[in-house]
Amino acid sequence: MLPQCTSAISMSISFAIGDRVRLTTTLPYVKTADTMPMLRPGDLLPINSVGIIREQKPGNTWTVKFDQGSFLIDSAHLAKVTE
């Protein structure tokens, strides 16, 4: 019998359009939210970069507008800014 384990993925983080969020982890690459998406190097967005939620995409992915542009970021890499 296999042991049951809980996953952090099962926890859903709720964001709303217009929420300020910060990037909590460095990513190996980021995907642009353009009409023709491109993969860009992850060092384009430094850790703790602050952006604004613009749109929700399927699979817990959000379009986030940073100073460097708009990118598709998974909710596991975002935290809500509380100020």
Protein backbone atom coordinates (compact mmCIF):
# COMPACT_ATOMS: atom_id res chain seq x y z
CA MET A 1 0.00 0.00 0.00
CA LEU A 2 1.38 3.40 -1.01
CA PRO A 3 1.46 6.21 1.54
CA GLN A 4 -0.72 9.21 0.86
CA CYS A 5 0.99 12.52 0.44
CA THR A 6 -0.35 16.00 0.21
CA SER A 7 0.91 18.35 -2.42
CA ALA A 8 1.29 22.11 -2.39
CA ILE A 9 -0.17 22.06 -5.88
CA SER A 10 -3.57 21.16 -4.46
CA MET A 11 -3.64 24.45 -2.57
CA SER A 12 -5.16 27.10 -4.77
CA ILE A 13 -4.03 30.67 -4.42
CA SER A 14 -6.65 33.19 -5.37
CA PHE A 15 -5.72 36.35 -7.21
CA ALA A 16 -7.99 38.98 -8.72
CA ILE A 17 -7.45 41.12 -11.80
CA GLY A 18 -5.50 44.20 -10.73
CA ASP A 19 -3.80 42.56 -7.71
CA ARG A 20 -0.14 43.43 -7.18
CA VAL A 21 2.01 40.29 -7.00
CA ARG A 22 5.70 39.53 -6.67
CA LEU A 23 7.79 36.76 -8.21
CA THR A 24 8.85 34.39 -5.42
CA THR A 25 11.29 32.13 -7.29
CA THR A 26 13.76 32.42 -10.11
CA LEU A 27 12.59 30.73 -13.29
CA PRO A 28 14.75 29.03 -15.95
CA TYR A 29 12.73 30.84 -18.62
CA VAL A 30 9.57 32.94 -18.92
CA LYS A 31 6.91 32.90 -21.63
CA THR A 32 5.72 36.22 -23.01
CA ALA A 33 1.98 36.94 -23.11
CA ASP A 34 2.13 38.29 -26.67
CA THR A 35 -0.10 37.18 -29.53
CA MET A 36 2.89 35.12 -30.72
CA PRO A 37 4.43 33.98 -27.37
CA MET A 38 8.18 33.58 -27.03
CA LEU A 39 10.39 32.01 -24.38
CA ARG A 40 12.76 34.51 -22.80
CA PRO A 41 15.64 33.90 -20.37
CA GLY A 42 14.57 33.70 -16.74
CA ASP A 43 17.06 36.32 -15.59
CA LEU A 44 14.93 38.91 -17.39
CA LEU A 45 12.69 38.91 -14.29
CA PRO A 46 14.66 39.10 -11.05
CA ILE A 47 13.26 37.49 -7.92
CA ASN A 48 10.86 39.78 -5.98
CA SER A 49 9.87 41.67 -9.15
CA VAL A 50 6.45 43.27 -8.63
CA GLY A 51 3.78 43.13 -11.31
CA ILE A 52 0.02 43.47 -11.78
CA ILE A 53 -2.36 40.61 -12.60
CA ARG A 54 -3.99 41.27 -15.98
CA GLU A 55 -5.73 37.99 -16.88
CA GLN A 56 -6.26 34.41 -15.72
CA LYS A 57 -5.34 31.59 -18.09
CA PRO A 58 -6.17 27.87 -17.80
CA GLY A 59 -4.13 25.74 -15.40
CA ASN A 60 -3.42 28.28 -12.61
CA THR A 61 -1.46 30.49 -15.00
CA TRP A 62 -1.75 34.27 -14.88
CA THR A 63 -0.83 37.05 -17.26
CA VAL A 64 1.27 39.44 -15.19
CA LYS A 65 2.43 42.88 -16.36
CA PHE A 66 5.95 43.64 -15.11
CA ASP A 67 8.14 46.63 -16.04
CA GLN A 68 9.92 44.35 -18.53
CA GLY A 69 6.67 43.30 -20.26
CA SER A 70 3.74 40.89 -19.83
CA PHE A 71 4.48 37.26 -19.04
CA LEU A 72 2.57 34.04 -18.31
CA ILE A 73 3.46 32.95 -14.77
CA ASP A 74 2.19 29.94 -12.82
CA SER A 75 0.50 30.82 -9.52
CA ALA A 76 3.03 28.66 -7.62
CA HIS A 77 5.69 31.31 -8.39
CA LEU A 78 3.61 34.31 -7.30
CA ALA A 79 2.69 35.87 -3.96
CA LYS A 80 0.22 38.70 -3.34
CA VAL A 81 1.80 41.99 -2.28
CA THR A 82 0.24 43.22 0.95
CA GLU A 83 0.98 46.89 1.59
